[in-house]
Amino acid sequence: KLYGFEPSDKKIQLGESGGNKFEIVIRDIEISKEEAEKRLKETFAQLQKGIPNLFGPQRFGEVRKITHLVGREILQGNFEQAAKIYLAKTFDAEPEDSKEARNFLAANWNQRGFSDAAEKFPQRLKYEIALCNHLSQNSKDFIRAFKIFPKKLQKMFVNAVQAWVWNECAVELWNKK
C-alpha cells in the first residue's frame, strides 16, 4: 500500500523517507504446515534481536560491485588504480561484450589501448567510453578523467566507501550481540 502522499516542490533528500513496512506472504511451499510453523518460529526468534540496517547493492553496484572500491582508491589519491577498477575489473555476471572490452583494456593499459577500448566497449557503457576517450588523449590525466562523471556519481564513489565502512562496523557489532 502506498499512502501519505503530499504535493511538494522539494526533492526527497537522503534520509527523509518516513520508513518502510513489509508484509510477507508465503505461498505454494512444499513442506507441511507444522514444518512451516517451526521454521517461522525459529526465524522470528532470530529476528527478536533485530535486523542490521545495511546499505544494499544499489550503493555498491548490482552486477559490478565496485563503487566502494573505486571510491577507496580515489580517497587514497590512487586515481589510476580507481580507473583500472572502474574500466578493467570484470565480474562473471556482466555481459560477455563488456567483459571482452575490459579484458582487452587490462591487457593494453596504455594510450593506444584506451583508444581501441573506446571502440570495443558496447554503446550502453557511455562512462567507460568517455573515460577511455579522455585517456586516449591524456593517458596520465586520471584525475580529470573522473570529472566526466556527473557530480552525483562522483559523490557516490565516496558515499559508497562510507556505506561500506558502516556495513562492516554494523555487521561486526551485530555479531557481538
Protein backbone atom coordinates (compact mmCIF):
# COMPACT_ATOMS: atom_id res chain seq x y z
CA LYS A 1 0.00 0.00 0.00
CA LEU A 2 1.19 3.47 -0.78
CA TYR A 3 -0.14 6.31 1.34
CA GLY A 4 0.72 9.66 2.89
CA PHE A 5 1.42 11.50 -0.35
CA GLU A 6 1.62 15.26 -0.25
CA PRO A 7 2.43 17.70 -3.03
CA SER A 8 5.81 19.36 -2.66
CA ASP A 9 8.22 21.49 -4.64
CA LYS A 10 11.18 19.90 -2.83
CA LYS A 11 13.05 16.77 -3.87
CA ILE A 12 13.29 14.00 -1.29
CA GLN A 13 16.78 14.06 0.19
CA LEU A 14 18.78 11.16 1.57
CA GLY A 15 17.33 10.03 4.90
CA GLU A 16 13.99 11.84 4.53
CA SER A 17 11.79 8.83 3.85
CA GLY A 18 9.44 8.01 6.70
CA GLY A 19 10.28 4.32 6.75
CA ASN A 20 9.16 1.03 5.31
CA LYS A 21 6.73 -1.60 6.46
CA PHE A 22 6.59 -5.02 4.84
CA GLU A 23 4.09 -7.83 4.75
CA ILE A 24 5.49 -11.19 3.70
CA VAL A 25 3.18 -13.69 2.04
CA ILE A 26 4.30 -17.30 1.64
CA ARG A 27 2.52 -19.38 -0.99
CA ASP A 28 2.85 -22.75 -2.64
CA ILE A 29 5.53 -24.22 -0.40
CA GLU A 30 6.14 -27.93 -0.37
CA ILE A 31 6.51 -28.53 3.35
CA SER A 32 3.98 -29.43 5.99
CA LYS A 33 2.12 -26.77 7.95
CA GLU A 34 3.92 -27.95 11.10
CA GLU A 35 7.35 -27.62 9.45
CA ALA A 36 6.45 -24.15 8.13
CA GLU A 37 5.32 -23.03 11.60
CA LYS A 38 8.52 -24.44 13.14
CA ARG A 39 10.69 -22.56 10.66
CA LEU A 40 8.74 -19.35 11.14
CA LYS A 41 9.12 -19.59 14.93
CA GLU A 42 12.89 -20.08 14.52
CA THR A 43 13.07 -17.12 12.17
CA PHE A 44 11.05 -14.86 14.49
CA ALA A 45 13.26 -15.90 17.41
CA GLN A 46 16.33 -14.80 15.42
CA LEU A 47 14.60 -11.54 14.45
CA GLN A 48 13.98 -10.65 18.10
CA LYS A 49 17.46 -9.17 18.29
CA GLY A 50 16.60 -7.05 15.25
CA ILE A 51 17.93 -6.77 11.74
CA PRO A 52 21.08 -4.81 10.96
CA ASN A 53 20.33 -1.77 8.82
CA LEU A 54 22.80 -2.24 5.98
CA PHE A 55 23.30 -0.48 2.68
CA GLY A 56 22.46 -2.74 -0.23
CA PRO A 57 23.60 -3.34 -3.77
CA GLN A 58 22.19 -0.06 -5.07
CA ARG A 59 25.06 1.63 -3.20
CA PHE A 60 27.83 -0.70 -4.39
CA GLY A 61 26.60 -1.85 -7.79
CA GLU A 62 24.19 -4.58 -8.83
CA VAL A 63 26.39 -6.58 -11.21
CA ARG A 64 29.80 -4.99 -10.74
CA LYS A 65 30.15 -4.29 -7.03
CA ILE A 66 32.94 -1.75 -7.44
CA THR A 67 31.63 1.66 -6.42
CA HIS A 68 33.21 1.49 -2.96
CA LEU A 69 36.45 0.05 -4.38
CA VAL A 70 36.76 2.93 -6.82
CA GLY A 71 35.91 5.39 -4.04
CA ARG A 72 38.54 3.94 -1.72
CA GLU A 73 41.23 4.42 -4.36
CA ILE A 74 40.06 7.98 -5.03
CA LEU A 75 40.20 8.81 -1.31
CA GLN A 76 43.76 7.45 -1.20
CA GLY A 77 44.73 9.55 -4.24
CA ASN A 78 45.21 6.48 -6.45
CA PHE A 79 43.24 7.74 -9.45
CA GLU A 80 44.92 5.41 -11.94
CA GLN A 81 44.04 2.37 -9.81
CA ALA A 82 40.48 3.74 -9.44
CA ALA A 83 40.26 3.96 -13.23
CA LYS A 84 41.64 0.41 -13.62
CA ILE A 85 38.98 -0.92 -11.27
CA TYR A 86 36.21 1.02 -12.98
CA LEU A 87 37.29 0.20 -16.53
CA ALA A 88 39.02 -3.18 -16.39
CA LYS A 89 37.71 -5.22 -13.44
CA THR A 90 35.33 -7.89 -14.71
CA PHE A 91 32.57 -9.84 -12.98
CA ASP A 92 31.05 -13.15 -14.02
CA ALA A 93 27.50 -11.79 -14.14
CA GLU A 94 28.21 -8.98 -16.59
CA PRO A 95 27.58 -9.42 -20.33
CA GLU A 96 30.31 -11.02 -22.43
CA ASP A 97 30.81 -8.00 -24.69
CA SER A 98 31.69 -5.75 -21.76
CA LYS A 99 33.96 -8.42 -20.22
CA GLU A 100 35.82 -8.70 -23.53
CA ALA A 101 36.36 -4.94 -23.68
CA ARG A 102 37.50 -4.84 -20.04
CA ASN A 103 39.92 -7.75 -20.54
CA PHE A 104 41.31 -6.11 -23.68
CA LEU A 105 41.91 -2.87 -21.81
CA ALA A 106 43.50 -4.65 -18.84
CA ALA A 107 45.99 -6.25 -21.24
CA ASN A 108 46.58 -2.98 -23.14
CA TRP A 109 46.64 -0.33 -20.42
CA ASN A 110 48.19 2.49 -22.44
CA GLN A 111 47.21 5.38 -24.68
CA ARG A 112 46.60 3.18 -27.73
CA GLY A 113 44.71 0.66 -25.58
CA PHE A 114 42.38 3.39 -24.31
CA SER A 115 41.61 4.44 -27.87
CA ASP A 116 40.94 0.88 -29.04
CA ALA A 117 38.92 0.05 -25.92
CA ALA A 118 36.65 3.06 -26.54
CA GLU A 119 35.68 1.30 -29.78
CA LYS A 120 35.28 -2.10 -28.12
CA PHE A 121 33.02 -1.08 -25.23
CA PRO A 122 29.31 -1.52 -26.00
CA GLN A 123 27.48 1.78 -26.58
CA ARG A 124 25.41 1.28 -23.40
CA LEU A 125 28.62 1.78 -21.33
CA LYS A 126 28.86 5.50 -22.02
CA TYR A 127 31.02 6.33 -19.00
CA GLU A 128 33.57 3.66 -19.88
CA ILE A 129 33.71 5.02 -23.43
CA ALA A 130 34.03 8.61 -22.21
CA LEU A 131 36.82 7.68 -19.76
CA CYS A 132 38.68 5.81 -22.49
CA ASN A 133 38.26 8.68 -24.94
CA HIS A 134 39.64 11.14 -22.40
CA LEU A 135 42.55 8.84 -21.51
CA SER A 136 43.35 8.17 -25.18
CA GLN A 137 44.08 11.92 -25.46
CA ASN A 138 45.55 12.38 -21.95
CA SER A 139 46.84 8.98 -20.89
CA LYS A 140 48.13 10.12 -17.49
CA ASP A 141 45.32 12.50 -16.56
CA PHE A 142 43.31 10.14 -14.38
CA ILE A 143 42.07 12.87 -12.04
CA ARG A 144 40.43 14.89 -14.80
CA ALA A 145 39.09 11.68 -16.35
CA PHE A 146 36.83 11.21 -13.33
CA LYS A 147 35.34 14.65 -13.90
CA ILE A 148 33.42 13.23 -16.86
CA PHE A 149 31.05 11.67 -14.31
CA PRO A 150 28.09 13.76 -13.14
CA LYS A 151 28.70 15.33 -9.72
CA LYS A 152 26.18 12.98 -8.07
CA LEU A 153 28.08 9.95 -9.35
CA GLN A 154 31.41 11.44 -8.29
CA LYS A 155 29.98 11.80 -4.78
CA MET A 156 28.54 8.28 -4.93
CA PHE A 157 32.05 6.80 -5.08
CA VAL A 158 32.93 8.41 -1.76
CA ASN A 159 29.48 7.74 -0.28
CA ALA A 160 29.88 4.08 -1.16
CA VAL A 161 33.08 3.92 0.91
CA GLN A 162 31.19 5.42 3.84
CA ALA A 163 28.40 2.87 3.34
CA TRP A 164 30.90 0.01 3.16
CA VAL A 165 32.55 1.14 6.42
CA TRP A 166 29.10 1.40 8.02
CA ASN A 167 28.16 -2.10 6.86
CA GLU A 168 31.42 -3.60 8.12
CA CYS A 169 31.04 -1.97 11.55
CA ALA A 170 27.32 -2.81 11.81
CA VAL A 171 27.95 -6.47 10.98
CA GLU A 172 30.82 -6.66 13.48
CA LEU A 173 28.64 -5.16 16.22
CA TRP A 174 25.72 -7.37 15.19
CA ASN A 175 27.89 -10.49 15.51
CA LYS A 176 28.89 -9.48 19.05
CA LYS A 177 25.24 -9.45 20.19
